[in-house]
Amino acid sequence: MNESLSKYIPNIGTNLAKYSGTELLERVGQEIIKDVVTSILCGGNVRTLTEGLTQRRISLSNAALLVAYLKASKEIENFSQKFPSIVRHELQYSKLLPAQRIFLQWFIGLTGKSIQNVLRSDKTQLEIYLQQLEQAISDSVKESDSEFGNLQGSILLEDESYKLSWESILQIFVGVGAQTLAIRGSEKSMYGKFFEKLILGSLLSLLDFELINPNISSKSKNVFWLSQRESKRESDATLLYKPGVGVRFDIGFIGPGNTEISLDKVSRFEREMEFGREYHFMSTIIIVDRIGEGSRIVELARKIDGSIVQMSMNYWVKEIVNILQAKIGFKHEIAKLNNEESIKYIQTRMNLVNIERLVKNN
């Protein structure tokens, strides 16, 4: 079978199908990303701040999916009838780029999660799935026709007319639905990991700590590093204030309904860490989005010498400084500022933070 749907996917569609945090920085620009990080450091909600980026990606991806379907329908005779078999053949036998494969899976209603859960990652189940999908769309076409009446129409794209029916519209809707679901899921995960690193790195940078690579540097005074795996646990950031004294940070956009996860984060920290041929006493700071009213998580954290800070508080950076002063004797000028002055200080100092270096984590 030489008929193909993948070749009609616009470049913008494949570009948006999958990308990393580094690519996000390149596409959106450092200034926009830095503005988002600054807002979070001042109590902003990362989900609210990134929603516009998510909506843009979804909208453009939906448009690319529609265009690919329309162009294929113009070139391939009886396309809507052949649609499932064309997609199946390409997924099974064609050499596809990862982004093209993702896009074709969306066309037939599959996301990464549904491939795992519905197909159980078994390629032999694809044929059964497509038969069920065809039957579901066929039944929906009949019911829609009976319920709403016959649908016949056309779309004009670049002076070219494309015919539509209940069958083609519902096939497009299946793709749009899967695409939207997949993008929202991937963006939630990507933005979480991406901004967690940037928030911690920016926080410690504006407090005048130096970012190092612990694999090649033995500095142990006023330094930090990000996301280093160890034998028993992983910390999102590790700070060394002076030889023998440090702090481990864990950060997560955890809401009030997930306090048990927060406590699990706290309990995984150890009191000592070996680095540079010596052991360092390690305090614990957990940064979460919000803590629900009446939660015992703060009290429980204190019992194991841990502190929990909420990013939803406007002046949480100043609270971090106060905790560092109490725990390890760290002093910083931001502690002497009032709340409003501390916000202005953060906004000014963020201009000096190298976002790109934090992303690359060198």
Foldseek 3Di string as FASTA:
>chain_A
DPQALLVLQDPLLLVLLDDALLVVCVVVHDVLVLVLLLVLLQQDDNCVSCVVVLVVSLVVNLVSLVRSLQVSPVVDDPCLVCVLVNLLCCLVPNDDDPSSVQLSCLLLQDAPVCCCVVVVVPNVCSVVSSVVSVVVLVVVLVVCCVPPNWDWDWDADPNDIGIDGSSSVVSSVSSSVSSSVRSVVVCVVRSFVSSVLLNVQLLLVLQPADQDDLVPDQDQARHKAAWDDDDQDTFGMKGRHHVQEIETEHEGQDEQVPLVVVLVVLVSDDQWDDGNNDIHGYAYEYEYAYHDPPDCSQVSSVVVRYHYFHSNNSQRSLVVQVSCCVRPNDDGPLVVDPRVVNSVSSVVSSVVDDSSCSSVRD
